[in-house]
Amino acid sequence: MSRLFPVIYSDEFLQHDTGAYHPENSGRLTAIASALKSTPWAERLAWRSPTPSQHRDVLPWVKQVHNSNYVEAVDQVAKAGGGSIDFDTIISARSYDVALLAVSAWLDGVDDVLKTHQPAFVLCRPPGHHAVRQRGMGFCLFSNAAIAAHYALAQPDVNRVAILDWDVHHGNGTQAIVESNPQIIYCSLHQYPCYPGTGDPSEKGLHNNVLNLPMPPNSTLAEYQPAFEQKVVPFLTQFQPDLLLVSAGYDANRADPLASMSLEPEDFGVFTEYCLTITRRIVLGLEGGYDYDTLSRSVLATIERCLT
């Protein structure tokens, strides 16, 4: 029998409460989980709970990437009952603990993939790629992918980590954190102009380790495929990564309310296929995506390609 595909998930991720009308809400995860459990290949999934953050001492890894004062501030705001970092980045009473658990889930994904040399999906929230060293923003509290990259580099036989970010928004936080590290490369395809306004092609990192590919509004697979084939795949392949982390955002879907791209859910299966040509050591972790139906179908398309 073929290996079961790991989905790292906890109902605790639903307890990061952003409010009734916030687009980044718990319904995103329940919609995806329900869709995954209803697929014809549901029996090929292995649902795994993330390691409790206190059991693996996540905090030092978070503080390696984020300013200690910021991390402690998130904790204090949560303990006080909640608040906000900016107009759209919310901290609720459980958000600090849930954000640490999301980091732990990404680290579990790294552990699993390095052990099996096969892909895994981290189904968690809050997302992370906008969080910079000194503060969260854009729905993000801690920079999950950047933390996972630093953690991976501390593991045996890992010398190079690649991060691919196909979220519709540029991962300004991830880039800012990793661009000074020659052992990490970062590649982003994102709508431009769009929030947060970063990600110009001229931003190449301190070691030529950043590749930004701004995409015009209404781009379809016809625009994305040449970008993957001519730019993304060569950039990642040449680096010969020991691990590929994917900031898997699905807000470039045509139906998504927060951007203006024209991808279809099955297109993310094509993106995944490109990744699999580079390596099968892939940790995919959820970032954006706010239309429940296309979000769910996009995750299914991603994981289904990994099952082949």
C-alpha atoms as a PDB file:
ATOM      1  CA  MET A   1       0.000   0.000   0.000  1.00  0.00           C
ATOM      2  CA  SER A   2       1.248   3.508  -0.803  1.00  0.00           C
ATOM      3  CA  ARG A   3       2.305   5.838   1.977  1.00  0.00           C
ATOM      4  CA  LEU A   4      -0.377   7.908   3.674  1.00  0.00           C
ATOM      5  CA  PHE A   5      -0.088  11.618   3.031  1.00  0.00           C
ATOM      6  CA  PRO A   6       0.312  13.642   6.257  1.00  0.00           C
ATOM      7  CA  VAL A   7      -2.022  16.554   6.990  1.00  0.00           C
ATOM      8  CA  ILE A   8      -0.927  18.325  10.159  1.00  0.00           C
ATOM      9  CA  TYR A   9      -3.989  19.899  11.777  1.00  0.00           C
ATOM     10  CA  SER A  10      -5.627  20.725  15.102  1.00  0.00           C
ATOM     11  CA  ASP A  11      -9.047  22.084  16.055  1.00  0.00           C
ATOM     12  CA  GLU A  12      -7.105  24.490  18.267  1.00  0.00           C
ATOM     13  CA  PHE A  13      -6.333  26.491  15.131  1.00  0.00           C
ATOM     14  CA  LEU A  14     -10.016  27.455  15.110  1.00  0.00           C
ATOM     15  CA  GLN A  15      -9.572  29.298  18.419  1.00  0.00           C
ATOM     16  CA  HIS A  16      -7.666  32.223  16.898  1.00  0.00           C
ATOM     17  CA  ASP A  17     -10.754  34.451  16.887  1.00  0.00           C
ATOM     18  CA  THR A  18     -10.554  37.343  14.441  1.00  0.00           C
ATOM     19  CA  GLY A  19     -14.216  38.348  14.690  1.00  0.00           C
ATOM     20  CA  ALA A  20     -17.408  37.649  12.792  1.00  0.00           C
ATOM     21  CA  TYR A  21     -16.630  39.519   9.581  1.00  0.00           C
ATOM     22  CA  HIS A  22     -12.894  39.044   9.248  1.00  0.00           C
ATOM     23  CA  PRO A  23     -11.867  37.220   6.030  1.00  0.00           C
ATOM     24  CA  GLU A  24      -9.142  35.217   7.822  1.00  0.00           C
ATOM     25  CA  ASN A  25     -11.432  33.156  10.035  1.00  0.00           C
ATOM     26  CA  SER A  26     -11.834  29.625  11.318  1.00  0.00           C
ATOM     27  CA  GLY A  27     -14.298  28.736   8.561  1.00  0.00           C
ATOM     28  CA  ARG A  28     -11.385  28.558   6.152  1.00  0.00           C
ATOM     29  CA  LEU A  29      -9.963  25.527   7.947  1.00  0.00           C
ATOM     30  CA  THR A  30     -13.272  23.789   8.597  1.00  0.00           C
ATOM     31  CA  ALA A  31     -14.138  24.108   4.893  1.00  0.00           C
ATOM     32  CA  ILE A  32     -10.803  22.594   3.844  1.00  0.00           C
ATOM     33  CA  ALA A  33     -10.966  19.802   6.427  1.00  0.00           C
ATOM     34  CA  SER A  34     -14.505  18.909   5.385  1.00  0.00           C
ATOM     35  CA  ALA A  35     -13.518  18.803   1.715  1.00  0.00           C
ATOM     36  CA  LEU A  36     -10.493  16.625   2.430  1.00  0.00           C
ATOM     37  CA  LYS A  37     -12.566  14.158   4.431  1.00  0.00           C
ATOM     38  CA  SER A  38     -15.092  13.908   1.592  1.00  0.00           C
ATOM     39  CA  THR A  39     -12.682  13.144  -1.264  1.00  0.00           C
ATOM     40  CA  PRO A  40     -12.549   9.716  -2.923  1.00  0.00           C
ATOM     41  CA  TRP A  41      -8.942   9.446  -1.684  1.00  0.00           C
ATOM     42  CA  ALA A  42      -9.664  10.483   1.903  1.00  0.00           C
ATOM     43  CA  GLU A  43      -8.375   7.128   3.183  1.00  0.00           C
ATOM     44  CA  ARG A  44      -4.938   8.012   1.823  1.00  0.00           C
ATOM     45  CA  LEU A  45      -4.609  10.926   4.257  1.00  0.00           C
ATOM     46  CA  ALA A  46      -2.992  10.655   7.690  1.00  0.00           C
ATOM     47  CA  TRP A  47      -4.358  13.368   9.994  1.00  0.00           C
ATOM     48  CA  ARG A  48      -1.726  14.291  12.538  1.00  0.00           C
ATOM     49  CA  SER A  49      -1.956  16.602  15.515  1.00  0.00           C
ATOM     50  CA  PRO A  50       0.895  19.083  15.871  1.00  0.00           C
ATOM     51  CA  THR A  51       3.313  18.644  18.745  1.00  0.00           C
ATOM     52  CA  PRO A  52       2.149  20.861  21.652  1.00  0.00           C
ATOM     53  CA  SER A  53       4.392  23.916  21.484  1.00  0.00           C
ATOM     54  CA  GLN A  54       5.617  23.550  25.074  1.00  0.00           C
ATOM     55  CA  HIS A  55       6.706  19.963  24.351  1.00  0.00           C
ATOM     56  CA  ARG A  56       9.172  20.989  21.670  1.00  0.00           C
ATOM     57  CA  ASP A  57      10.228  24.378  23.028  1.00  0.00           C
ATOM     58  CA  VAL A  58       9.041  26.386  20.042  1.00  0.00           C
ATOM     59  CA  LEU A  59       9.689  29.777  21.614  1.00  0.00           C
ATOM     60  CA  PRO A  60      13.471  29.900  20.999  1.00  0.00           C
ATOM     61  CA  TRP A  61      12.865  29.303  17.284  1.00  0.00           C
ATOM     62  CA  VAL A  62      10.279  32.084  17.199  1.00  0.00           C
ATOM     63  CA  LYS A  63      12.653  34.459  18.981  1.00  0.00           C
ATOM     64  CA  GLN A  64      15.458  33.583  16.582  1.00  0.00           C
ATOM     65  CA  VAL A  65      13.345  35.212  13.870  1.00  0.00           C
ATOM     66  CA  HIS A  66      11.269  37.784  15.781  1.00  0.00           C
ATOM     67  CA  ASN A  67      12.167  40.547  18.217  1.00  0.00           C
ATOM     68  CA  SER A  68      11.682  39.242  21.778  1.00  0.00           C
ATOM     69  CA  ASN A  69       9.780  42.367  22.792  1.00  0.00           C
ATOM     70  CA  TYR A  70       7.287  41.796  19.983  1.00  0.00           C
ATOM     71  CA  VAL A  71       6.774  38.121  20.890  1.00  0.00           C
ATOM     72  CA  GLU A  72       6.197  39.054  24.524  1.00  0.00           C
ATOM     73  CA  ALA A  73       3.796  41.821  23.496  1.00  0.00           C
ATOM     74  CA  VAL A  74       1.639  39.335  21.578  1.00  0.00           C
ATOM     75  CA  ASP A  75       1.562  37.144  24.688  1.00  0.00           C
ATOM     76  CA  GLN A  76       0.584  40.062  26.925  1.00  0.00           C
ATOM     77  CA  VAL A  77      -2.165  41.315  24.615  1.00  0.00           C
ATOM     78  CA  ALA A  78      -3.625  37.805  24.453  1.00  0.00           C
ATOM     79  CA  LYS A  79      -3.481  37.409  28.223  1.00  0.00           C
ATOM     80  CA  ALA A  80      -5.301  40.728  28.564  1.00  0.00           C
ATOM     81  CA  GLY A  81      -8.150  39.343  26.471  1.00  0.00           C
ATOM     82  CA  GLY A  82      -7.057  40.456  23.011  1.00  0.00           C
ATOM     83  CA  GLY A  83      -6.574  43.489  20.840  1.00  0.00           C
ATOM     84  CA  SER A  84      -5.166  44.358  17.442  1.00  0.00           C
ATOM     85  CA  ILE A  85      -1.769  45.013  15.899  1.00  0.00           C
ATOM     86  CA  ASP A  86      -3.275  47.039  13.067  1.00  0.00           C
ATOM     87  CA  PHE A  87      -6.702  47.451  11.498  1.00  0.00           C
ATOM     88  CA  ASP A  88      -6.807  43.897  10.143  1.00  0.00           C
ATOM     89  CA  THR A  89      -4.380  41.889  12.308  1.00  0.00           C
ATOM     90  CA  ILE A  90      -6.182  40.613  15.373  1.00  0.00           C
ATOM     91  CA  ILE A  91      -5.000  39.047  18.632  1.00  0.00           C
ATOM     92  CA  SER A  92      -7.642  37.184  20.631  1.00  0.00           C
ATOM     93  CA  ALA A  93      -7.289  35.568  24.039  1.00  0.00           C
ATOM     94  CA  ARG A  94      -6.047  32.295  22.496  1.00  0.00           C
ATOM     95  CA  SER A  95      -4.090  33.751  19.562  1.00  0.00           C
ATOM     96  CA  TYR A  96      -0.626  33.619  21.130  1.00  0.00           C
ATOM     97  CA  ASP A  97      -0.916  29.922  22.005  1.00  0.00           C
ATOM     98  CA  VAL A  98      -2.496  29.096  18.651  1.00  0.00           C
ATOM     99  CA  ALA A  99       0.203  30.993  16.748  1.00  0.00           C
ATOM    100  CA  LEU A 100       2.898  29.035  18.612  1.00  0.00           C
ATOM    101  CA  LEU A 101       1.065  25.804  17.758  1.00  0.00           C
ATOM    102  CA  ALA A 102       1.005  26.844  14.092  1.00  0.00           C
ATOM    103  CA  VAL A 103       4.783  27.262  14.229  1.00  0.00           C
ATOM    104  CA  SER A 104       5.072  23.837  15.858  1.00  0.00           C
ATOM    105  CA  ALA A 105       2.954  22.354  13.070  1.00  0.00           C
ATOM    106  CA  TRP A 106       5.335  23.750  10.451  1.00  0.00           C
ATOM    107  CA  LEU A 107       8.288  22.311  12.391  1.00  0.00           C
ATOM    108  CA  ASP A 108       6.513  18.949  12.508  1.00  0.00           C
ATOM    109  CA  GLY A 109       6.127  19.205   8.746  1.00  0.00           C
ATOM    110  CA  VAL A 110       9.860  19.751   8.418  1.00  0.00           C
ATOM    111  CA  ASP A 111      10.593  16.755  10.636  1.00  0.00           C
ATOM    112  CA  ASP A 112       8.246  14.492   8.701  1.00  0.00           C
ATOM    113  CA  VAL A 113       9.508  15.492   5.268  1.00  0.00           C
ATOM    114  CA  LEU A 114      13.170  15.183   6.242  1.00  0.00           C
ATOM    115  CA  LYS A 115      12.450  11.711   7.616  1.00  0.00           C
ATOM    116  CA  THR A 116      10.368  10.373   4.715  1.00  0.00           C
ATOM    117  CA  HIS A 117      11.632  12.495   1.787  1.00  0.00           C
ATOM    118  CA  GLN A 118       7.954  12.884   0.821  1.00  0.00           C
ATOM    119  CA  PRO A 119       5.621  15.912   0.916  1.00  0.00           C
ATOM    120  CA  ALA A 120       3.376  16.996   3.797  1.00  0.00           C
ATOM    121  CA  PHE A 121       0.677  19.670   4.198  1.00  0.00           C
ATOM    122  CA  VAL A 122       0.388  21.941   7.241  1.00  0.00           C
ATOM    123  CA  LEU A 123      -3.239  23.002   7.620  1.00  0.00           C
ATOM    124  CA  CYS A 124      -2.965  25.793  10.157  1.00  0.00           C
ATOM    125  CA  ARG A 125      -3.691  29.417  10.970  1.00  0.00           C
ATOM    126  CA  PRO A 126      -2.877  32.218  11.621  1.00  0.00           C
ATOM    127  CA  PRO A 127      -0.843  32.636   8.407  1.00  0.00           C
ATOM    128  CA  GLY A 128       2.670  34.014   8.610  1.00  0.00           C
ATOM    129  CA  HIS A 129       4.318  35.443   5.523  1.00  0.00           C
ATOM    130  CA  HIS A 130       3.605  39.132   6.233  1.00  0.00           C
ATOM    131  CA  ALA A 131       4.968  39.099   9.796  1.00  0.00           C
ATOM    132  CA  VAL A 132       8.284  40.954   9.993  1.00  0.00           C
ATOM    133  CA  ARG A 133      10.854  40.725  12.777  1.00  0.00           C
ATOM    134  CA  GLN A 134       9.405  43.437  14.954  1.00  0.00           C
ATOM    135  CA  ARG A 135       5.658  43.155  14.324  1.00  0.00           C
ATOM    136  CA  GLY A 136       2.829  41.243  12.743  1.00  0.00           C
ATOM    137  CA  MET A 137       0.716  42.584   9.897  1.00  0.00           C
ATOM    138  CA  GLY A 138      -1.598  41.428   7.123  1.00  0.00           C
ATOM    139  CA  PHE A 139      -3.417  38.827   9.289  1.00  0.00           C
ATOM    140  CA  CYS A 140      -0.044  37.306  10.291  1.00  0.00           C
ATOM    141  CA  LEU A 141       1.472  37.000  13.778  1.00  0.00           C
ATOM    142  CA  PHE A 142       4.615  34.841  13.455  1.00  0.00           C
ATOM    143  CA  SER A 143       6.573  34.148  10.261  1.00  0.00           C
ATOM    144  CA  ASN A 144       5.904  30.407  10.025  1.00  0.00           C
ATOM    145  CA  ALA A 145       7.871  29.665   6.840  1.00  0.00           C
ATOM    146  CA  ALA A 146      10.909  31.708   7.856  1.00  0.00           C
ATOM    147  CA  ILE A 147      10.986  30.055  11.285  1.00  0.00           C
ATOM    148  CA  ALA A 148      10.656  26.623   9.660  1.00  0.00           C
ATOM    149  CA  ALA A 149      13.563  27.438   7.323  1.00  0.00           C
ATOM    150  CA  HIS A 150      15.851  28.342  10.231  1.00  0.00           C
ATOM    151  CA  TYR A 151      14.758  25.232  12.113  1.00  0.00           C
ATOM    152  CA  ALA A 152      15.450  23.048   9.078  1.00  0.00           C
ATOM    153  CA  LEU A 153      18.966  24.419   8.731  1.00  0.00           C
ATOM    154  CA  ALA A 154      19.691  23.229  12.272  1.00  0.00           C
ATOM    155  CA  GLN A 155      18.861  19.632  11.297  1.00  0.00           C
ATOM    156  CA  PRO A 156      21.505  17.126  10.115  1.00  0.00           C
ATOM    157  CA  ASP A 157      22.392  17.220   6.428  1.00  0.00           C
ATOM    158  CA  VAL A 158      20.341  20.335   5.664  1.00  0.00           C
ATOM    159  CA  ASN A 159      22.455  23.111   4.201  1.00  0.00           C
ATOM    160  CA  ARG A 160      20.082  24.812   1.755  1.00  0.00           C
ATOM    161  CA  VAL A 161      16.398  25.640   2.115  1.00  0.00           C
ATOM    162  CA  ALA A 162      14.217  27.127  -0.613  1.00  0.00           C
ATOM    163  CA  ILE A 163      10.953  28.967   0.031  1.00  0.00           C
ATOM    164  CA  LEU A 164       8.377  29.340  -2.746  1.00  0.00           C
ATOM    165  CA  ASP A 165       5.504  31.740  -2.050  1.00  0.00           C
ATOM    166  CA  TRP A 166       2.593  31.525  -4.496  1.00  0.00           C
ATOM    167  CA  ASP A 167       0.172  33.518  -2.329  1.00  0.00           C
ATOM    168  CA  VAL A 168      -1.325  36.411  -4.291  1.00  0.00           C
ATOM    169  CA  HIS A 169       0.290  38.859  -1.864  1.00  0.00           C
ATOM    170  CA  HIS A 170       4.048  39.285  -1.610  1.00  0.00           C
ATOM    171  CA  GLY A 171       5.522  37.676   1.513  1.00  0.00           C
ATOM    172  CA  ASN A 172       7.301  40.798   2.693  1.00  0.00           C
ATOM    173  CA  GLY A 173       7.939  39.350   6.142  1.00  0.00           C
ATOM    174  CA  THR A 174       9.469  36.123   4.899  1.00  0.00           C
ATOM    175  CA  GLN A 175      11.706  37.989   2.470  1.00  0.00           C
ATOM    176  CA  ALA A 176      12.856  40.533   5.044  1.00  0.00           C
ATOM    177  CA  ILE A 177      13.788  37.792   7.489  1.00  0.00           C
ATOM    178  CA  VAL A 178      15.630  35.413   5.131  1.00  0.00           C
ATOM    179  CA  GLU A 179      17.202  37.706   2.509  1.00  0.00           C
ATOM    180  CA  SER A 180      20.428  38.083   4.503  1.00  0.00           C
ATOM    181  CA  ASN A 181      20.955  34.306   4.832  1.00  0.00           C
ATOM    182  CA  PRO A 182      22.883  32.701   1.945  1.00  0.00           C
ATOM    183  CA  GLN A 183      21.548  29.264   2.927  1.00  0.00           C
ATOM    184  CA  ILE A 184      17.949  30.297   2.165  1.00  0.00           C
ATOM    185  CA  ILE A 185      16.434  31.422  -1.118  1.00  0.00           C
ATOM    186  CA  TYR A 186      13.017  33.033  -1.461  1.00  0.00           C
ATOM    187  CA  CYS A 187      10.856  33.158  -4.585  1.00  0.00           C
ATOM    188  CA  SER A 188       7.486  34.887  -4.810  1.00  0.00           C
ATOM    189  CA  LEU A 189       4.865  35.197  -7.524  1.00  0.00           C
ATOM    190  CA  HIS A 190       2.359  37.862  -6.506  1.00  0.00           C
ATOM    191  CA  GLN A 191      -0.151  40.319  -7.888  1.00  0.00           C
ATOM    192  CA  TYR A 192       1.222  43.794  -8.438  1.00  0.00           C
ATOM    193  CA  PRO A 193       0.041  46.355  -7.614  1.00  0.00           C
ATOM    194  CA  CYS A 194      -1.439  44.844  -4.468  1.00  0.00           C
ATOM    195  CA  TYR A 195      -0.951  44.737  -0.702  1.00  0.00           C
ATOM    196  CA  PRO A 196       1.646  45.123   0.832  1.00  0.00           C
ATOM    197  CA  GLY A 197       3.321  46.940  -2.085  1.00  0.00           C
ATOM    198  CA  THR A 198       6.666  45.150  -1.804  1.00  0.00           C
ATOM    199  CA  GLY A 199       8.223  42.505  -4.031  1.00  0.00           C
ATOM    200  CA  ASP A 200       9.783  44.485  -6.843  1.00  0.00           C
ATOM    201  CA  PRO A 201      12.086  42.506  -9.166  1.00  0.00           C
ATOM    202  CA  SER A 202      14.935  44.768  -8.078  1.00  0.00           C
ATOM    203  CA  GLU A 203      14.763  43.225  -4.596  1.00  0.00           C
ATOM    204  CA  LYS A 204      17.251  40.387  -4.982  1.00  0.00           C
ATOM    205  CA  GLY A 205      18.464  39.762  -1.424  1.00  0.00           C
ATOM    206  CA  LEU A 206      21.967  40.221  -0.068  1.00  0.00           C
ATOM    207  CA  HIS A 207      23.217  37.066  -1.801  1.00  0.00           C
ATOM    208  CA  ASN A 208      21.126  37.166  -4.979  1.00  0.00           C
ATOM    209  CA  ASN A 209      18.895  34.776  -3.085  1.00  0.00           C
ATOM    210  CA  VAL A 210      15.539  36.477  -3.743  1.00  0.00           C
ATOM    211  CA  LEU A 211      13.460  36.211  -6.921  1.00  0.00           C
ATOM    212  CA  ASN A 212      10.327  38.362  -7.122  1.00  0.00           C
ATOM    213  CA  LEU A 213       7.922  37.868 -10.005  1.00  0.00           C
ATOM    214  CA  PRO A 214       5.162  40.484  -9.912  1.00  0.00           C
ATOM    215  CA  MET A 215       2.151  39.374 -11.938  1.00  0.00           C
ATOM    216  CA  PRO A 216      -0.391  41.783 -13.481  1.00  0.00           C
ATOM    217  CA  PRO A 217      -4.005  41.677 -12.291  1.00  0.00           C
ATOM    218  CA  ASN A 218      -6.230  39.102 -14.011  1.00  0.00           C
ATOM    219  CA  SER A 219      -3.301  36.777 -14.739  1.00  0.00           C
ATOM    220  CA  THR A 220      -4.303  33.214 -15.581  1.00  0.00           C
ATOM    221  CA  LEU A 221      -2.390  29.951 -15.805  1.00  0.00           C
ATOM    222  CA  ALA A 222      -1.295  31.094 -19.258  1.00  0.00           C
ATOM    223  CA  GLU A 223       0.762  33.835 -17.584  1.00  0.00           C
ATOM    224  CA  TYR A 224       1.883  31.775 -14.596  1.00  0.00           C
ATOM    225  CA  GLN A 225       3.195  28.752 -16.509  1.00  0.00           C
ATOM    226  CA  PRO A 226       5.949  30.608 -18.400  1.00  0.00           C
ATOM    227  CA  ALA A 227       6.965  32.257 -15.127  1.00  0.00           C
ATOM    228  CA  PHE A 228       7.323  28.838 -13.506  1.00  0.00           C
ATOM    229  CA  GLU A 229       9.081  27.226 -16.447  1.00  0.00           C
ATOM    230  CA  GLN A 230      11.461  30.066 -17.304  1.00  0.00           C
ATOM    231  CA  LYS A 231      12.117  31.623 -13.884  1.00  0.00           C
ATOM    232  CA  VAL A 232      10.843  29.731 -10.817  1.00  0.00           C
ATOM    233  CA  VAL A 233      11.941  26.181 -11.622  1.00  0.00           C
ATOM    234  CA  PRO A 234      15.435  27.171 -12.842  1.00  0.00           C
ATOM    235  CA  PHE A 235      15.979  29.436  -9.798  1.00  0.00           C
ATOM    236  CA  LEU A 236      14.963  26.723  -7.330  1.00  0.00           C
ATOM    237  CA  THR A 237      16.654  23.859  -9.178  1.00  0.00           C
ATOM    238  CA  GLN A 238      19.990  25.624  -9.497  1.00  0.00           C
ATOM    239  CA  PHE A 239      20.060  26.128  -5.720  1.00  0.00           C
ATOM    240  CA  GLN A 240      19.673  22.354  -5.176  1.00  0.00           C
ATOM    241  CA  PRO A 241      17.652  22.731  -1.963  1.00  0.00           C
ATOM    242  CA  ASP A 242      17.683  20.034   0.701  1.00  0.00           C
ATOM    243  CA  LEU A 243      14.132  21.123   1.527  1.00  0.00           C
ATOM    244  CA  LEU A 244      11.443  23.172  -0.230  1.00  0.00           C
ATOM    245  CA  LEU A 245       8.949  25.132   1.872  1.00  0.00           C
ATOM    246  CA  VAL A 246       5.843  26.390   0.072  1.00  0.00           C
ATOM    247  CA  SER A 247       3.850  29.319   1.411  1.00  0.00           C
ATOM    248  CA  ALA A 248       0.690  27.937  -0.124  1.00  0.00           C
ATOM    249  CA  GLY A 249      -1.766  30.805  -0.411  1.00  0.00           C
ATOM    250  CA  TYR A 250      -4.831  30.341  -2.589  1.00  0.00           C
ATOM    251  CA  ASP A 251      -6.058  33.924  -2.918  1.00  0.00           C
ATOM    252  CA  ALA A 252      -5.009  34.169  -6.574  1.00  0.00           C
ATOM    253  CA  ASN A 253      -8.205  32.283  -7.412  1.00  0.00           C
ATOM    254  CA  ARG A 254     -10.637  34.086  -9.687  1.00  0.00           C
ATOM    255  CA  ALA A 255     -13.358  33.947  -7.001  1.00  0.00           C
ATOM    256  CA  ASP A 256     -11.220  35.257  -4.158  1.00  0.00           C
ATOM    257  CA  PRO A 257     -12.536  38.525  -2.678  1.00  0.00           C
ATOM    258  CA  LEU A 258      -9.165  40.004  -1.649  1.00  0.00           C
ATOM    259  CA  ALA A 259      -7.318  40.149  -4.969  1.00  0.00           C
ATOM    260  CA  SER A 260      -7.850  40.366  -8.729  1.00  0.00           C
ATOM    261  CA  MET A 261      -6.239  37.279 -10.238  1.00  0.00           C
ATOM    262  CA  SER A 262      -7.914  34.706 -12.465  1.00  0.00           C
ATOM    263  CA  LEU A 263      -6.517  31.311 -11.499  1.00  0.00           C
ATOM    264  CA  GLU A 264      -8.718  28.227 -11.110  1.00  0.00           C
ATOM    265  CA  PRO A 265      -8.343  25.672  -8.290  1.00  0.00           C
ATOM    266  CA  GLU A 266      -6.859  23.013 -10.562  1.00  0.00           C
ATOM    267  CA  ASP A 267      -4.052  25.407 -11.513  1.00  0.00           C
ATOM    268  CA  PHE A 268      -2.516  24.930  -8.070  1.00  0.00           C
ATOM    269  CA  GLY A 269      -2.125  21.276  -8.931  1.00  0.00           C
ATOM    270  CA  VAL A 270       0.001  22.410 -11.872  1.00  0.00           C
ATOM    271  CA  PHE A 271       2.100  24.567  -9.532  1.00  0.00           C
ATOM    272  CA  THR A 272       2.560  21.555  -7.266  1.00  0.00           C
ATOM    273  CA  GLU A 273       3.680  19.423 -10.208  1.00  0.00           C
ATOM    274  CA  TYR A 274       6.410  21.949 -10.979  1.00  0.00           C
ATOM    275  CA  CYS A 275       7.571  21.737  -7.363  1.00  0.00           C
ATOM    276  CA  LEU A 276       7.696  17.959  -7.509  1.00  0.00           C
ATOM    277  CA  THR A 277      10.083  18.162 -10.469  1.00  0.00           C
ATOM    278  CA  ILE A 278      12.545  19.913  -8.152  1.00  0.00           C
ATOM    279  CA  THR A 279      12.256  17.688  -5.074  1.00  0.00           C
ATOM    280  CA  ARG A 280       9.753  15.570  -3.167  1.00  0.00           C
ATOM    281  CA  ARG A 281      11.019  17.052   0.095  1.00  0.00           C
ATOM    282  CA  ILE A 282       8.247  19.644   0.233  1.00  0.00           C
ATOM    283  CA  VAL A 283       6.452  21.161   3.219  1.00  0.00           C
ATOM    284  CA  LEU A 284       3.340  22.973   2.043  1.00  0.00           C
ATOM    285  CA  GLY A 285       1.799  25.320   4.602  1.00  0.00           C
ATOM    286  CA  LEU A 286      -1.417  27.305   4.303  1.00  0.00           C
ATOM    287  CA  GLU A 287      -1.219  31.065   3.899  1.00  0.00           C
ATOM    288  CA  GLY A 288      -4.101  33.020   2.292  1.00  0.00           C
ATOM    289  CA  GLY A 289      -7.277  32.099   0.427  1.00  0.00           C
ATOM    290  CA  TYR A 290     -10.643  33.493   1.457  1.00  0.00           C
ATOM    291  CA  ASP A 291     -13.317  32.008  -0.781  1.00  0.00           C
ATOM    292  CA  TYR A 292     -14.175  28.752   0.983  1.00  0.00           C
ATOM    293  CA  ASP A 293     -15.107  26.782  -2.124  1.00  0.00           C
ATOM    294  CA  THR A 294     -12.123  27.603  -4.328  1.00  0.00           C
ATOM    295  CA  LEU A 295      -9.800  27.526  -1.314  1.00  0.00           C
ATOM    296  CA  SER A 296     -10.882  23.987  -0.493  1.00  0.00           C
ATOM    297  CA  ARG A 297     -10.713  22.778  -4.079  1.00  0.00           C
ATOM    298  CA  SER A 298      -7.265  24.321  -4.486  1.00  0.00           C
ATOM    299  CA  VAL A 299      -5.906  22.467  -1.450  1.00  0.00           C
ATOM    300  CA  LEU A 300      -7.396  19.254  -2.831  1.00  0.00           C
ATOM    301  CA  ALA A 301      -5.696  19.871  -6.193  1.00  0.00           C
ATOM    302  CA  THR A 302      -2.393  20.484  -4.407  1.00  0.00           C
ATOM    303  CA  ILE A 303      -2.502  17.345  -2.286  1.00  0.00           C
ATOM    304  CA  GLU A 304      -3.863  15.122  -5.054  1.00  0.00           C
ATOM    305  CA  ARG A 305      -0.770  15.854  -7.162  1.00  0.00           C
ATOM    306  CA  CYS A 306       1.418  14.791  -4.243  1.00  0.00           C
ATOM    307  CA  LEU A 307      -0.354  11.408  -4.086  1.00  0.00           C
ATOM    308  CA  THR A 308       0.837  10.343  -7.533  1.00  0.00           C
END
